[in-house]
Amino acid sequence: MGVRGELFTTSVTLDNRTYFFNVKENRTGDVFLQVVESKSKEGTGFDRHAVVIFEEDMQKFLKGLDDSLSFIEKQRKQRKTRESFKKNIKAREESTSLKISSHKTTGRKLHVVKKEETSEEY
């Protein structure tokens, strides 16, 4: 057993944050995962925050994490689809001239005229 009950540790360093994944064992033999975020402050040290997940709760924790990752991936795909749709709409708008007129009783009406039709020569 290592320092302060550490059995295994690994880290991931990103811009100004480092995440430590520490597998530890306490004095009574309980194994747990400690996730620590260490974020550098502007020249004054580090902010550290830790989350502890005990061995018997790992499966529920991992299911919650997996569900969250699946949600994020689904949102990313939907966002990509929306961006593609908006890009296609913009391309259509560029090839189409739009005229909008308002009517007192019915509100706005949208008239779409293709550019080719508006470029008639007289």
PDB file of N, CA and C in Angstrom:
ATOM      1  N   MET A   1       0.853  -1.174   0.000  1.00  0.00           N
ATOM      2  CA  MET A   1       0.000   0.000   0.000  1.00  0.00           C
ATOM      3  C   MET A   1       0.898   1.234   0.000  1.00  0.00           C
ATOM      4  N   GLY A   2       0.507   2.234  -0.791  1.00  0.00           N
ATOM      5  CA  GLY A   2       1.306   3.446  -0.937  1.00  0.00           C
ATOM      6  C   GLY A   2       0.985   4.491   0.103  1.00  0.00           C
ATOM      7  N   VAL A   3       1.370   5.692  -0.211  1.00  0.00           N
ATOM      8  CA  VAL A   3       1.155   6.831   0.671  1.00  0.00           C
ATOM      9  C   VAL A   3      -0.339   7.038   0.896  1.00  0.00           C
ATOM     10  N   ARG A   4      -0.732   7.188   2.156  1.00  0.00           N
ATOM     11  CA  ARG A   4      -2.118   7.453   2.555  1.00  0.00           C
ATOM     12  C   ARG A   4      -3.106   6.458   1.954  1.00  0.00           C
ATOM     13  N   GLY A   5      -2.715   5.202   1.871  1.00  0.00           N
ATOM     14  CA  GLY A   5      -3.606   4.152   1.426  1.00  0.00           C
ATOM     15  C   GLY A   5      -3.792   4.062  -0.072  1.00  0.00           C
ATOM     16  N   GLU A   6      -2.947   4.713  -0.852  1.00  0.00           N
ATOM     17  CA  GLU A   6      -3.097   4.671  -2.303  1.00  0.00           C
ATOM     18  C   GLU A   6      -2.687   3.314  -2.864  1.00  0.00           C
ATOM     19  N   LEU A   7      -3.584   2.712  -3.667  1.00  0.00           N
ATOM     20  CA  LEU A   7      -3.299   1.459  -4.346  1.00  0.00           C
ATOM     21  C   LEU A   7      -2.902   1.716  -5.792  1.00  0.00           C
ATOM     22  N   PHE A   8      -3.482   2.764  -6.369  1.00  0.00           N
ATOM     23  CA  PHE A   8      -3.240   3.102  -7.770  1.00  0.00           C
ATOM     24  C   PHE A   8      -3.590   4.572  -7.956  1.00  0.00           C
ATOM     25  N   THR A   9      -2.854   5.243  -8.814  1.00  0.00           N
ATOM     26  CA  THR A   9      -3.185   6.624  -9.141  1.00  0.00           C
ATOM     27  C   THR A   9      -2.785   6.924 -10.576  1.00  0.00           C
ATOM     28  N   THR A  10      -3.581   7.739 -11.227  1.00  0.00           N
ATOM     29  CA  THR A  10      -3.275   8.221 -12.564  1.00  0.00           C
ATOM     30  C   THR A  10      -3.836   9.638 -12.665  1.00  0.00           C
ATOM     31  N   SER A  11      -3.347  10.395 -13.640  1.00  0.00           N
ATOM     32  CA  SER A  11      -3.816  11.781 -13.760  1.00  0.00           C
ATOM     33  C   SER A  11      -4.021  12.152 -15.220  1.00  0.00           C
ATOM     34  N   VAL A  12      -4.855  13.147 -15.415  1.00  0.00           N
ATOM     35  CA  VAL A  12      -5.117  13.725 -16.731  1.00  0.00           C
ATOM     36  C   VAL A  12      -4.933  15.223 -16.584  1.00  0.00           C
ATOM     37  N   THR A  13      -4.036  15.796 -17.399  1.00  0.00           N
ATOM     38  CA  THR A  13      -3.768  17.227 -17.323  1.00  0.00           C
ATOM     39  C   THR A  13      -4.365  17.917 -18.535  1.00  0.00           C
ATOM     40  N   LEU A  14      -5.143  18.942 -18.278  1.00  0.00           N
ATOM     41  CA  LEU A  14      -5.751  19.784 -19.302  1.00  0.00           C
ATOM     42  C   LEU A  14      -5.304  21.212 -19.019  1.00  0.00           C
ATOM     43  N   ASP A  15      -5.594  22.142 -19.898  1.00  0.00           N
ATOM     44  CA  ASP A  15      -5.158  23.537 -19.771  1.00  0.00           C
ATOM     45  C   ASP A  15      -4.652  23.904 -18.369  1.00  0.00           C
ATOM     46  N   ASN A  16      -5.517  24.407 -17.523  1.00  0.00           N
ATOM     47  CA  ASN A  16      -5.078  24.823 -16.189  1.00  0.00           C
ATOM     48  C   ASN A  16      -5.655  23.919 -15.097  1.00  0.00           C
ATOM     49  N   ARG A  17      -6.044  22.703 -15.465  1.00  0.00           N
ATOM     50  CA  ARG A  17      -6.614  21.758 -14.509  1.00  0.00           C
ATOM     51  C   ARG A  17      -5.908  20.416 -14.624  1.00  0.00           C
ATOM     52  N   THR A  18      -5.831  19.736 -13.506  1.00  0.00           N
ATOM     53  CA  THR A  18      -5.349  18.357 -13.498  1.00  0.00           C
ATOM     54  C   THR A  18      -6.347  17.531 -12.713  1.00  0.00           C
ATOM     55  N   TYR A  19      -6.710  16.381 -13.256  1.00  0.00           N
ATOM     56  CA  TYR A  19      -7.612  15.452 -12.578  1.00  0.00           C
ATOM     57  C   TYR A  19      -6.803  14.243 -12.138  1.00  0.00           C
ATOM     58  N   PHE A  20      -6.936  13.893 -10.866  1.00  0.00           N
ATOM     59  CA  PHE A  20      -6.257  12.730 -10.309  1.00  0.00           C
ATOM     60  C   PHE A  20      -7.307  11.668 -10.002  1.00  0.00           C
ATOM     61  N   PHE A  21      -7.039  10.444 -10.416  1.00  0.00           N
ATOM     62  CA  PHE A  21      -7.908   9.313 -10.134  1.00  0.00           C
ATOM     63  C   PHE A  21      -7.134   8.391  -9.209  1.00  0.00           C
ATOM     64  N   ASN A  22      -7.488   8.422  -7.939  1.00  0.00           N
ATOM     65  CA  ASN A  22      -6.758   7.684  -6.909  1.00  0.00           C
ATOM     66  C   ASN A  22      -7.617   6.542  -6.373  1.00  0.00           C
ATOM     67  N   VAL A  23      -7.134   5.314  -6.502  1.00  0.00           N
ATOM     68  CA  VAL A  23      -7.792   4.164  -5.880  1.00  0.00           C
ATOM     69  C   VAL A  23      -7.109   3.987  -4.533  1.00  0.00           C
ATOM     70  N   LYS A  24      -7.913   4.041  -3.479  1.00  0.00           N
ATOM     71  CA  LYS A  24      -7.353   3.989  -2.124  1.00  0.00           C
ATOM     72  C   LYS A  24      -8.064   2.939  -1.286  1.00  0.00           C
ATOM     73  N   GLU A  25      -7.420   2.614  -0.176  1.00  0.00           N
ATOM     74  CA  GLU A  25      -8.008   1.713   0.808  1.00  0.00           C
ATOM     75  C   GLU A  25      -7.885   2.381   2.164  1.00  0.00           C
ATOM     76  N   ASN A  26      -9.004   2.443   2.897  1.00  0.00           N
ATOM     77  CA  ASN A  26      -8.934   3.072   4.218  1.00  0.00           C
ATOM     78  C   ASN A  26      -8.503   2.054   5.277  1.00  0.00           C
ATOM     79  N   ARG A  27      -8.409   2.491   6.521  1.00  0.00           N
ATOM     80  CA  ARG A  27      -7.893   1.633   7.597  1.00  0.00           C
ATOM     81  C   ARG A  27      -8.737   0.398   7.849  1.00  0.00           C
ATOM     82  N   THR A  28     -10.026   0.487   7.500  1.00  0.00           N
ATOM     83  CA  THR A  28     -10.910  -0.665   7.733  1.00  0.00           C
ATOM     84  C   THR A  28     -10.980  -1.599   6.527  1.00  0.00           C
ATOM     85  N   GLY A  29     -10.206  -1.301   5.461  1.00  0.00           N
ATOM     86  CA  GLY A  29     -10.142  -2.172   4.298  1.00  0.00           C
ATOM     87  C   GLY A  29     -11.116  -1.820   3.185  1.00  0.00           C
ATOM     88  N   ASP A  30     -11.873  -0.738   3.343  1.00  0.00           N
ATOM     89  CA  ASP A  30     -12.798  -0.314   2.288  1.00  0.00           C
ATOM     90  C   ASP A  30     -12.007   0.308   1.139  1.00  0.00           C
ATOM     91  N   VAL A  31     -12.291  -0.136  -0.084  1.00  0.00           N
ATOM     92  CA  VAL A  31     -11.633   0.397  -1.272  1.00  0.00           C
ATOM     93  C   VAL A  31     -12.546   1.446  -1.878  1.00  0.00           C
ATOM     94  N   PHE A  32     -11.962   2.547  -2.316  1.00  0.00           N
ATOM     95  CA  PHE A  32     -12.756   3.620  -2.909  1.00  0.00           C
ATOM     96  C   PHE A  32     -11.941   4.364  -3.959  1.00  0.00           C
ATOM     97  N   LEU A  33     -12.660   5.060  -4.826  1.00  0.00           N
ATOM     98  CA  LEU A  33     -12.048   5.908  -5.844  1.00  0.00           C
ATOM     99  C   LEU A  33     -12.189   7.352  -5.387  1.00  0.00           C
ATOM    100  N   GLN A  34     -11.093   8.067  -5.429  1.00  0.00           N
ATOM    101  CA  GLN A  34     -11.104   9.488  -5.118  1.00  0.00           C
ATOM    102  C   GLN A  34     -10.734  10.229  -6.405  1.00  0.00           C
ATOM    103  N   VAL A  35     -11.648  11.088  -6.871  1.00  0.00           N
ATOM    104  CA  VAL A  35     -11.384  11.907  -8.045  1.00  0.00           C
ATOM    105  C   VAL A  35     -11.122  13.317  -7.537  1.00  0.00           C
ATOM    106  N   VAL A  36      -9.937  13.836  -7.856  1.00  0.00           N
ATOM    107  CA  VAL A  36      -9.540  15.162  -7.383  1.00  0.00           C
ATOM    108  C   VAL A  36      -9.311  16.068  -8.581  1.00  0.00           C
ATOM    109  N   GLU A  37      -9.929  17.240  -8.542  1.00  0.00           N
ATOM    110  CA  GLU A  37      -9.660  18.274  -9.542  1.00  0.00           C
ATOM    111  C   GLU A  37      -8.768  19.310  -8.874  1.00  0.00           C
ATOM    112  N   SER A  38      -7.651  19.583  -9.508  1.00  0.00           N
ATOM    113  CA  SER A  38      -6.729  20.594  -9.013  1.00  0.00           C
ATOM    114  C   SER A  38      -6.631  21.670 -10.085  1.00  0.00           C
ATOM    115  N   LYS A  39      -7.035  22.880  -9.723  1.00  0.00           N
ATOM    116  CA  LYS A  39      -7.074  23.991 -10.687  1.00  0.00           C
ATOM    117  C   LYS A  39      -6.174  25.098 -10.172  1.00  0.00           C
ATOM    118  N   SER A  40      -5.275  25.546 -11.040  1.00  0.00           N
ATOM    119  CA  SER A  40      -4.357  26.602 -10.597  1.00  0.00           C
ATOM    120  C   SER A  40      -5.079  27.934 -10.493  1.00  0.00           C
ATOM    121  N   LYS A  41      -4.832  28.626  -9.393  1.00  0.00           N
ATOM    122  CA  LYS A  41      -5.324  29.986  -9.219  1.00  0.00           C
ATOM    123  C   LYS A  41      -4.291  30.916  -9.828  1.00  0.00           C
ATOM    124  N   GLU A  42      -4.642  32.127 -10.035  1.00  0.00           N
ATOM    125  CA  GLU A  42      -3.734  33.092 -10.649  1.00  0.00           C
ATOM    126  C   GLU A  42      -2.558  33.389  -9.715  1.00  0.00           C
ATOM    127  N   GLY A  43      -1.546  32.544  -9.757  1.00  0.00           N
ATOM    128  CA  GLY A  43      -0.320  32.758  -9.000  1.00  0.00           C
ATOM    129  C   GLY A  43      -0.416  32.559  -7.506  1.00  0.00           C
ATOM    130  N   THR A  44      -1.578  32.121  -7.000  1.00  0.00           N
ATOM    131  CA  THR A  44      -1.722  31.997  -5.552  1.00  0.00           C
ATOM    132  C   THR A  44      -1.935  30.565  -5.083  1.00  0.00           C
ATOM    133  N   GLY A  45      -1.569  29.593  -5.891  1.00  0.00           N
ATOM    134  CA  GLY A  45      -1.710  28.206  -5.462  1.00  0.00           C
ATOM    135  C   GLY A  45      -2.734  27.456  -6.284  1.00  0.00           C
ATOM    136  N   PHE A  46      -3.453  26.536  -5.615  1.00  0.00           N
ATOM    137  CA  PHE A  46      -4.397  25.656  -6.315  1.00  0.00           C
ATOM    138  C   PHE A  46      -5.703  25.550  -5.553  1.00  0.00           C
ATOM    139  N   ASP A  47      -6.792  25.420  -6.300  1.00  0.00           N
ATOM    140  CA  ASP A  47      -8.085  25.019  -5.745  1.00  0.00           C
ATOM    141  C   ASP A  47      -8.179  23.524  -5.937  1.00  0.00           C
ATOM    142  N   ARG A  48      -8.544  22.810  -4.888  1.00  0.00           N
ATOM    143  CA  ARG A  48      -8.672  21.359  -5.004  1.00  0.00           C
ATOM    144  C   ARG A  48     -10.065  20.953  -4.542  1.00  0.00           C
ATOM    145  N   HIS A  49     -10.671  20.088  -5.331  1.00  0.00           N
ATOM    146  CA  HIS A  49     -11.989  19.548  -4.993  1.00  0.00           C
ATOM    147  C   HIS A  49     -11.935  18.046  -5.200  1.00  0.00           C
ATOM    148  N   ALA A  50     -12.516  17.308  -4.273  1.00  0.00           N
ATOM    149  CA  ALA A  50     -12.453  15.851  -4.356  1.00  0.00           C
ATOM    150  C   ALA A  50     -13.848  15.244  -4.262  1.00  0.00           C
ATOM    151  N   VAL A  51     -14.030  14.132  -4.967  1.00  0.00           N
ATOM    152  CA  VAL A  51     -15.238  13.325  -4.888  1.00  0.00           C
ATOM    153  C   VAL A  51     -14.780  11.909  -4.565  1.00  0.00           C
ATOM    154  N   VAL A  52     -15.486  11.276  -3.637  1.00  0.00           N
ATOM    155  CA  VAL A  52     -15.136   9.911  -3.235  1.00  0.00           C
ATOM    156  C   VAL A  52     -16.289   8.983  -3.593  1.00  0.00           C
ATOM    157  N   ILE A  53     -15.971   7.878  -4.276  1.00  0.00           N
ATOM    158  CA  ILE A  53     -16.965   6.877  -4.635  1.00  0.00           C
ATOM    159  C   ILE A  53     -16.500   5.549  -4.058  1.00  0.00           C
ATOM    160  N   PHE A  54     -17.309   4.977  -3.175  1.00  0.00           N
ATOM    161  CA  PHE A  54     -16.939   3.719  -2.543  1.00  0.00           C
ATOM    162  C   PHE A  54     -17.208   2.542  -3.475  1.00  0.00           C
ATOM    163  N   GLU A  55     -16.457   1.486  -3.245  1.00  0.00           N
ATOM    164  CA  GLU A  55     -16.467   0.300  -4.101  1.00  0.00           C
ATOM    165  C   GLU A  55     -17.878  -0.230  -4.343  1.00  0.00           C
ATOM    166  N   GLU A  56     -18.706  -0.288  -3.300  1.00  0.00           N
ATOM    167  CA  GLU A  56     -20.053  -0.841  -3.459  1.00  0.00           C
ATOM    168  C   GLU A  56     -20.982   0.069  -4.273  1.00  0.00           C
ATOM    169  N   ASP A  57     -20.570   1.325  -4.493  1.00  0.00           N
ATOM    170  CA  ASP A  57     -21.383   2.271  -5.266  1.00  0.00           C
ATOM    171  C   ASP A  57     -20.869   2.476  -6.689  1.00  0.00           C
ATOM    172  N   MET A  58     -19.769   1.808  -7.046  1.00  0.00           N
ATOM    173  CA  MET A  58     -19.125   2.030  -8.355  1.00  0.00           C
ATOM    174  C   MET A  58     -20.059   1.787  -9.530  1.00  0.00           C
ATOM    175  N   GLN A  59     -20.802   0.679  -9.523  1.00  0.00           N
ATOM    176  CA  GLN A  59     -21.654   0.341 -10.666  1.00  0.00           C
ATOM    177  C   GLN A  59     -22.731   1.404 -10.886  1.00  0.00           C
ATOM    178  N   LYS A  60     -23.355   1.866  -9.800  1.00  0.00           N
ATOM    179  CA  LYS A  60     -24.363   2.928  -9.937  1.00  0.00           C
ATOM    180  C   LYS A  60     -23.715   4.218 -10.418  1.00  0.00           C
ATOM    181  N   PHE A  61     -22.542   4.529  -9.893  1.00  0.00           N
ATOM    182  CA  PHE A  61     -21.821   5.734 -10.308  1.00  0.00           C
ATOM    183  C   PHE A  61     -21.474   5.651 -11.793  1.00  0.00           C
ATOM    184  N   LEU A  62     -20.937   4.500 -12.224  1.00  0.00           N
ATOM    185  CA  LEU A  62     -20.561   4.321 -13.627  1.00  0.00           C
ATOM    186  C   LEU A  62     -21.774   4.364 -14.547  1.00  0.00           C
ATOM    187  N   LYS A  63     -22.917   3.856 -14.089  1.00  0.00           N
ATOM    188  CA  LYS A  63     -24.135   3.932 -14.902  1.00  0.00           C
ATOM    189  C   LYS A  63     -24.539   5.392 -15.068  1.00  0.00           C
ATOM    190  N   GLY A  64     -24.489   6.176 -13.998  1.00  0.00           N
ATOM    191  CA  GLY A  64     -24.816   7.598 -14.093  1.00  0.00           C
ATOM    192  C   GLY A  64     -23.856   8.325 -15.021  1.00  0.00           C
ATOM    193  N   LEU A  65     -22.580   8.013 -14.926  1.00  0.00           N
ATOM    194  CA  LEU A  65     -21.577   8.621 -15.799  1.00  0.00           C
ATOM    195  C   LEU A  65     -21.826   8.222 -17.252  1.00  0.00           C
ATOM    196  N   ASP A  66     -22.099   6.937 -17.490  1.00  0.00           N
ATOM    197  CA  ASP A  66     -22.360   6.456 -18.842  1.00  0.00           C
ATOM    198  C   ASP A  66     -23.615   7.107 -19.418  1.00  0.00           C
ATOM    199  N   ASP A  67     -24.682   7.225 -18.626  1.00  0.00           N
ATOM    200  CA  ASP A  67     -25.908   7.893 -19.081  1.00  0.00           C
ATOM    201  C   ASP A  67     -25.625   9.349 -19.454  1.00  0.00           C
ATOM    202  N   SER A  68     -24.818  10.014 -18.644  1.00  0.00           N
ATOM    203  CA  SER A  68     -24.467  11.410 -18.917  1.00  0.00           C
ATOM    204  C   SER A  68     -23.665  11.539 -20.202  1.00  0.00           C
ATOM    205  N   LEU A  69     -22.706  10.644 -20.407  1.00  0.00           N
ATOM    206  CA  LEU A  69     -21.906  10.667 -21.634  1.00  0.00           C
ATOM    207  C   LEU A  69     -22.760  10.372 -22.865  1.00  0.00           C
ATOM    208  N   SER A  70     -23.711   9.451 -22.741  1.00  0.00           N
ATOM    209  CA  SER A  70     -24.621   9.153 -23.850  1.00  0.00           C
ATOM    210  C   SER A  70     -25.468  10.372 -24.194  1.00  0.00           C
ATOM    211  N   PHE A  71     -25.960  11.077 -23.167  1.00  0.00           N
ATOM    212  CA  PHE A  71     -26.742  12.289 -23.391  1.00  0.00           C
ATOM    213  C   PHE A  71     -25.914  13.344 -24.118  1.00  0.00           C
ATOM    214  N   ILE A  72     -24.676  13.534 -23.680  1.00  0.00           N
ATOM    215  CA  ILE A  72     -23.788  14.525 -24.308  1.00  0.00           C
ATOM    216  C   ILE A  72     -23.548  14.164 -25.765  1.00  0.00           C
ATOM    217  N   GLU A  73     -23.316  12.899 -26.060  1.00  0.00           N
ATOM    218  CA  GLU A  73     -23.079  12.460 -27.438  1.00  0.00           C
ATOM    219  C   GLU A  73     -24.322  12.675 -28.296  1.00  0.00           C
ATOM    220  N   LYS A  74     -25.498  12.374 -27.747  1.00  0.00           N
ATOM    221  CA  LYS A  74     -26.750  12.583 -28.477  1.00  0.00           C
ATOM    222  C   LYS A  74     -26.942  14.069 -28.783  1.00  0.00           C
ATOM    223  N   GLN A  75     -26.680  14.925 -27.803  1.00  0.00           N
ATOM    224  CA  GLN A  75     -26.795  16.375 -28.000  1.00  0.00           C
ATOM    225  C   GLN A  75     -25.816  16.866 -29.057  1.00  0.00           C
ATOM    226  N   ARG A  76     -24.594  16.322 -29.044  1.00  0.00           N
ATOM    227  CA  ARG A  76     -23.584  16.717 -30.027  1.00  0.00           C
ATOM    228  C   ARG A  76     -24.056  16.373 -31.430  1.00  0.00           C
ATOM    229  N   LYS A  77     -24.620  15.170 -31.606  1.00  0.00           N
ATOM    230  CA  LYS A  77     -25.114  14.757 -32.918  1.00  0.00           C
ATOM    231  C   LYS A  77     -26.281  15.624 -33.366  1.00  0.00           C
ATOM    232  N   GLN A  78     -27.191  15.948 -32.442  1.00  0.00           N
ATOM    233  CA  GLN A  78     -28.324  16.807 -32.785  1.00  0.00           C
ATOM    234  C   GLN A  78     -27.851  18.202 -33.165  1.00  0.00           C
ATOM    235  N   ARG A  79     -26.883  18.729 -32.449  1.00  0.00           N
ATOM    236  CA  ARG A  79     -26.341  20.051 -32.740  1.00  0.00           C
ATOM    237  C   ARG A  79     -25.683  20.065 -34.118  1.00  0.00           C
ATOM    238  N   LYS A  80     -24.958  18.999 -34.434  1.00  0.00           N
ATOM    239  CA  LYS A  80     -24.311  18.885 -35.736  1.00  0.00           C
ATOM    240  C   LYS A  80     -25.357  18.840 -36.849  1.00  0.00           C
ATOM    241  N   THR A  81     -26.437  18.105 -36.631  1.00  0.00           N
ATOM    242  CA  THR A  81     -27.520  18.024 -37.611  1.00  0.00           C
ATOM    243  C   THR A  81     -28.175  19.385 -37.799  1.00  0.00           C
ATOM    244  N   ARG A  82     -28.431  20.106 -36.699  1.00  0.00           N
ATOM    245  CA  ARG A  82     -29.032  21.452 -36.788  1.00  0.00           C
ATOM    246  C   ARG A  82     -28.129  22.403 -37.550  1.00  0.00           C
ATOM    247  N   GLU A  83     -26.818  22.345 -37.269  1.00  0.00           N
ATOM    248  CA  GLU A  83     -25.872  23.221 -37.966  1.00  0.00           C
ATOM    249  C   GLU A  83     -25.851  22.923 -39.456  1.00  0.00           C
ATOM    250  N   SER A  84     -25.917  21.664 -39.811  1.00  0.00           N
ATOM    251  CA  SER A  84     -25.953  21.270 -41.213  1.00  0.00           C
ATOM    252  C   SER A  84     -27.237  21.776 -41.871  1.00  0.00           C
ATOM    253  N   PHE A  85     -28.356  21.655 -41.161  1.00  0.00           N
ATOM    254  CA  PHE A  85     -29.637  22.133 -41.663  1.00  0.00           C
ATOM    255  C   PHE A  85     -29.595  23.645 -41.879  1.00  0.00           C
ATOM    256  N   LYS A  86     -29.063  24.383 -40.907  1.00  0.00           N
ATOM    257  CA  LYS A  86     -28.958  25.841 -41.029  1.00  0.00           C
ATOM    258  C   LYS A  86     -28.063  26.226 -42.207  1.00  0.00           C
ATOM    259  N   LYS A  87     -27.005  25.472 -42.404  1.00  0.00           N
ATOM    260  CA  LYS A  87     -26.093  25.739 -43.515  1.00  0.00           C
ATOM    261  C   LYS A  87     -26.818  25.554 -44.846  1.00  0.00           C
ATOM    262  N   ASN A  88     -27.630  24.492 -44.953  1.00  0.00           N
ATOM    263  CA  ASN A  88     -28.408  24.244 -46.170  1.00  0.00           C
ATOM    264  C   ASN A  88     -29.442  25.340 -46.400  1.00  0.00           C
ATOM    265  N   ILE A  89     -30.095  25.792 -45.328  1.00  0.00           N
ATOM    266  CA  ILE A  89     -31.083  26.873 -45.440  1.00  0.00           C
ATOM    267  C   ILE A  89     -30.395  28.141 -45.925  1.00  0.00           C
ATOM    268  N   LYS A  90     -29.244  28.457 -45.368  1.00  0.00           N
ATOM    269  CA  LYS A  90     -28.515  29.664 -45.766  1.00  0.00           C
ATOM    270  C   LYS A  90     -28.132  29.598 -47.241  1.00  0.00           C
ATOM    271  N   ALA A  91     -27.695  28.418 -47.703  1.00  0.00           N
ATOM    272  CA  ALA A  91     -27.340  28.255 -49.119  1.00  0.00           C
ATOM    273  C   ALA A  91     -28.565  28.476 -49.999  1.00  0.00           C
ATOM    274  N   ARG A  92     -29.717  27.985 -49.559  1.00  0.00           N
ATOM    275  CA  ARG A  92     -30.957  28.203 -50.316  1.00  0.00           C
ATOM    276  C   ARG A  92     -31.324  29.682 -50.344  1.00  0.00           C
ATOM    277  N   GLU A  93     -31.181  30.352 -49.189  1.00  0.00           N
ATOM    278  CA  GLU A  93     -31.511  31.775 -49.123  1.00  0.00           C
ATOM    279  C   GLU A  93     -30.644  32.583 -50.069  1.00  0.00           C
ATOM    280  N   GLU A  94     -29.392  32.175 -50.186  1.00  0.00           N
ATOM    281  CA  GLU A  94     -28.485  32.891 -51.073  1.00  0.00           C
ATOM    282  C   GLU A  94     -28.874  32.710 -52.538  1.00  0.00           C
ATOM    283  N   SER A  95     -29.536  31.604 -52.854  1.00  0.00           N
ATOM    284  CA  SER A  95     -29.948  31.371 -54.238  1.00  0.00           C
ATOM    285  C   SER A  95     -31.392  31.811 -54.487  1.00  0.00           C
ATOM    286  N   THR A  96     -32.038  32.379 -53.472  1.00  0.00           N
ATOM    287  CA  THR A  96     -33.432  32.785 -53.578  1.00  0.00           C
ATOM    288  C   THR A  96     -33.588  34.220 -53.087  1.00  0.00           C
ATOM    289  N   SER A  97     -34.421  34.992 -53.764  1.00  0.00           N
ATOM    290  CA  SER A  97     -34.730  36.349 -53.318  1.00  0.00           C
ATOM    291  C   SER A  97     -36.020  36.287 -52.511  1.00  0.00           C
ATOM    292  N   LEU A  98     -36.024  36.830 -51.306  1.00  0.00           N
ATOM    293  CA  LEU A  98     -37.212  36.791 -50.449  1.00  0.00           C
ATOM    294  C   LEU A  98     -37.864  38.165 -50.405  1.00  0.00           C
ATOM    295  N   LYS A  99     -39.221  38.180 -50.563  1.00  0.00           N
ATOM    296  CA  LYS A  99     -39.983  39.410 -50.415  1.00  0.00           C
ATOM    297  C   LYS A  99     -40.963  39.193 -49.281  1.00  0.00           C
ATOM    298  N   ILE A 100     -40.993  40.103 -48.312  1.00  0.00           N
ATOM    299  CA  ILE A 100     -41.918  39.987 -47.192  1.00  0.00           C
ATOM    300  C   ILE A 100     -42.834  41.199 -47.221  1.00  0.00           C
ATOM    301  N   SER A 101     -44.143  40.946 -47.230  1.00  0.00           N
ATOM    302  CA  SER A 101     -45.107  42.039 -47.153  1.00  0.00           C
ATOM    303  C   SER A 101     -46.024  41.764 -45.980  1.00  0.00           C
ATOM    304  N   SER A 102     -46.529  42.796 -45.366  1.00  0.00           N
ATOM    305  CA  SER A 102     -47.437  42.578 -44.253  1.00  0.00           C
ATOM    306  C   SER A 102     -48.842  42.989 -44.663  1.00  0.00           C
ATOM    307  N   HIS A 103     -49.802  42.315 -44.101  1.00  0.00           N
ATOM    308  CA  HIS A 103     -51.192  42.551 -44.398  1.00  0.00           C
ATOM    309  C   HIS A 103     -51.875  42.893 -43.089  1.00  0.00           C
ATOM    310  N   LYS A 104     -52.788  43.858 -43.084  1.00  0.00           N
ATOM    311  CA  LYS A 104     -53.399  44.332 -41.843  1.00  0.00           C
ATOM    312  C   LYS A 104     -54.135  43.232 -41.086  1.00  0.00           C
ATOM    313  N   THR A 105     -54.875  42.373 -41.771  1.00  0.00           N
ATOM    314  CA  THR A 105     -55.698  41.387 -41.069  1.00  0.00           C
ATOM    315  C   THR A 105     -55.036  40.021 -40.929  1.00  0.00           C
ATOM    316  N   THR A 106     -54.192  39.648 -41.886  1.00  0.00           N
ATOM    317  CA  THR A 106     -53.626  38.292 -41.836  1.00  0.00           C
ATOM    318  C   THR A 106     -52.211  38.247 -41.288  1.00  0.00           C
ATOM    319  N   GLY A 107     -51.582  39.394 -41.076  1.00  0.00           N
ATOM    320  CA  GLY A 107     -50.214  39.399 -40.582  1.00  0.00           C
ATOM    321  C   GLY A 107     -49.232  39.316 -41.730  1.00  0.00           C
ATOM    322  N   ARG A 108     -48.101  38.688 -41.508  1.00  0.00           N
ATOM    323  CA  ARG A 108     -47.049  38.635 -42.528  1.00  0.00           C
ATOM    324  C   ARG A 108     -47.293  37.542 -43.540  1.00  0.00           C
ATOM    325  N   LYS A 109     -46.918  37.830 -44.751  1.00  0.00           N
ATOM    326  CA  LYS A 109     -46.927  36.834 -45.815  1.00  0.00           C
ATOM    327  C   LYS A 109     -45.525  36.770 -46.379  1.00  0.00           C
ATOM    328  N   LEU A 110     -45.103  35.611 -46.710  1.00  0.00           N
ATOM    329  CA  LEU A 110     -43.768  35.415 -47.244  1.00  0.00           C
ATOM    330  C   LEU A 110     -43.885  35.007 -48.702  1.00  0.00           C
ATOM    331  N   HIS A 111     -43.262  35.753 -49.584  1.00  0.00           N
ATOM    332  CA  HIS A 111     -43.268  35.448 -51.008  1.00  0.00           C
ATOM    333  C   HIS A 111     -41.854  35.065 -51.406  1.00  0.00           C
ATOM    334  N   VAL A 112     -41.700  33.891 -51.974  1.00  0.00           N
ATOM    335  CA  VAL A 112     -40.395  33.413 -52.394  1.00  0.00           C
ATOM    336  C   VAL A 112     -40.328  33.491 -53.908  1.00  0.00           C
ATOM    337  N   VAL A 113     -39.331  34.161 -54.406  1.00  0.00           N
ATOM    338  CA  VAL A 113     -39.123  34.291 -55.839  1.00  0.00           C
ATOM    339  C   VAL A 113     -37.704  33.866 -56.130  1.00  0.00           C
ATOM    340  N   LYS A 114     -37.520  32.894 -57.010  1.00  0.00           N
ATOM    341  CA  LYS A 114     -36.179  32.445 -57.335  1.00  0.00           C
ATOM    342  C   LYS A 114     -35.454  33.543 -58.079  1.00  0.00           C
ATOM    343  N   LYS A 115     -34.174  33.672 -57.856  1.00  0.00           N
ATOM    344  CA  LYS A 115     -33.375  34.723 -58.481  1.00  0.00           C
ATOM    345  C   LYS A 115     -33.455  34.673 -59.991  1.00  0.00           C
ATOM    346  N   GLU A 116     -33.491  33.452 -60.548  1.00  0.00           N
ATOM    347  CA  GLU A 116     -33.555  33.328 -61.997  1.00  0.00           C
ATOM    348  C   GLU A 116     -34.788  34.024 -62.547  1.00  0.00           C
ATOM    349  N   GLU A 117     -35.896  33.949 -61.793  1.00  0.00           N
ATOM    350  CA  GLU A 117     -37.154  34.551 -62.230  1.00  0.00           C
ATOM    351  C   GLU A 117     -37.106  36.084 -62.162  1.00  0.00           C
ATOM    352  N   THR A 118     -36.313  36.619 -61.245  1.00  0.00           N
ATOM    353  CA  THR A 118     -36.268  38.071 -61.065  1.00  0.00           C
ATOM    354  C   THR A 118     -35.287  38.739 -62.020  1.00  0.00           C
ATOM    355  N   SER A 119     -34.498  37.981 -62.714  1.00  0.00           N
ATOM    356  CA  SER A 119     -33.495  38.569 -63.596  1.00  0.00           C
ATOM    357  C   SER A 119     -33.953  38.592 -65.051  1.00  0.00           C
ATOM    358  N   GLU A 120     -35.234  38.800 -65.221  1.00  0.00           N
ATOM    359  CA  GLU A 120     -35.758  38.870 -66.590  1.00  0.00           C
ATOM    360  C   GLU A 120     -35.295  40.158 -67.268  1.00  0.00           C
ATOM    361  N   GLU A 121     -35.056  40.060 -68.539  1.00  0.00           N
ATOM    362  CA  GLU A 121     -34.676  41.235 -69.313  1.00  0.00           C
ATOM    363  C   GLU A 121     -35.911  41.737 -70.049  1.00  0.00           C
ATOM    364  N   TYR A 122     -36.083  43.042 -70.076  1.00  0.00           N
ATOM    365  CA  TYR A 122     -37.242  43.639 -70.745  1.00  0.00           C
ATOM    366  C   TYR A 122     -36.848  44.236 -72.055  1.00  0.00           C
TER     367      TYR A 122
END
